[in-house]
Protein backbone atom coordinates (compact mmCIF):
# COMPACT_ATOMS: atom_id res chain seq x y z
CA MET A 1 0.00 0.00 0.00
CA GLU A 2 1.36 3.42 -0.92
CA TYR A 3 0.68 6.49 1.19
CA SER A 4 0.81 9.96 -0.26
CA THR A 5 0.73 11.80 3.06
CA ILE A 6 1.25 11.25 6.75
CA ALA A 7 -2.47 11.91 7.16
CA SER A 8 -3.50 9.04 4.91
CA TYR A 9 -0.94 6.74 6.54
CA VAL A 10 -2.20 7.46 10.05
CA LYS A 11 -5.83 7.03 9.05
CA ALA A 12 -5.14 3.76 7.21
CA MET A 13 -3.09 2.35 10.08
CA ARG A 14 -5.70 3.37 12.64
CA LYS A 15 -8.35 1.55 10.64
CA ARG A 16 -6.09 -1.48 10.10
CA TYR A 17 -5.80 -1.85 13.87
CA ASN A 18 -9.51 -1.15 14.41
CA LEU A 19 -8.89 1.96 16.48
CA THR A 20 -11.22 4.91 16.77
CA GLN A 21 -9.77 8.40 16.82
CA VAL A 22 -10.46 8.43 20.57
CA ASP A 23 -8.54 5.14 20.99
CA LEU A 24 -5.62 6.52 19.01
CA SER A 25 -5.48 9.72 21.01
CA GLN A 26 -5.53 7.82 24.30
CA LYS A 27 -2.93 5.24 23.27
CA SER A 28 -0.55 7.84 21.84
CA GLY A 29 -1.01 10.45 24.56
CA VAL A 30 -2.15 13.27 22.31
CA GLY A 31 -5.48 15.05 22.27
CA LEU A 32 -8.43 14.00 20.16
CA ARG A 33 -8.35 17.35 18.37
CA PHE A 34 -4.72 16.68 17.40
CA VAL A 35 -5.62 13.28 15.91
CA ARG A 36 -8.43 14.86 13.92
CA ASP A 37 -6.17 17.65 12.65
CA LEU A 38 -3.46 15.12 11.76
CA GLU A 39 -5.84 12.93 9.77
CA GLN A 40 -7.18 15.98 7.95
CA GLY A 41 -3.67 16.94 6.88
CA LYS A 42 -3.28 20.16 8.85
CA GLN A 43 0.06 21.68 7.88
CA THR A 44 1.09 23.26 11.19
CA LEU A 45 1.34 20.35 13.61
CA ARG A 46 4.22 19.71 15.99
CA MET A 47 6.60 17.04 14.76
CA ASP A 48 7.15 15.61 18.26
CA LYS A 49 3.43 14.98 18.63
CA ILE A 50 3.20 13.51 15.14
CA ASN A 51 5.95 11.10 16.15
CA GLN A 52 4.06 10.17 19.33
CA VAL A 53 1.27 8.91 17.09
CA LEU A 54 3.54 7.32 14.47
CA ARG A 55 5.53 5.36 17.06
CA LEU A 56 2.44 3.26 17.74
CA PHE A 57 2.82 1.97 14.20
CA GLY A 58 6.61 1.61 14.30
CA SER A 59 7.26 4.75 12.27
CA GLU A 60 8.80 8.16 12.77
CA VAL A 61 9.42 11.33 10.76
CA GLY A 62 12.22 13.82 10.91
CA PRO A 63 14.29 16.23 8.89
CA VAL A 64 16.09 14.79 5.91
CA LYS A 65 19.55 15.99 5.04
CA SER A 66 19.74 16.74 1.36
CA VAL A 67 22.65 15.39 -0.58
CA ASN A 68 24.09 17.88 -3.01
CA THR A 69 25.26 15.91 -6.02
CA PHE A 70 26.12 19.03 -7.98
CA GLU A 71 29.47 20.55 -7.17
CA PRO A 72 30.63 23.67 -9.02
């Protein structure tokens, strides 16, 4: 299964494990409003809280160092 966004990944994983949004918020330690915003793809969410949710599914996000292959 391919996921285009974190939002779709979280929603799909929550459904795969038969969790409600309330269950997910309780198990991850974030608020219900945060789970709803995350699943709706809100752009201004805290990365540490996103990772709290993702860790339940064995995932994590973080900054990616770009590799500059072009050297002048």
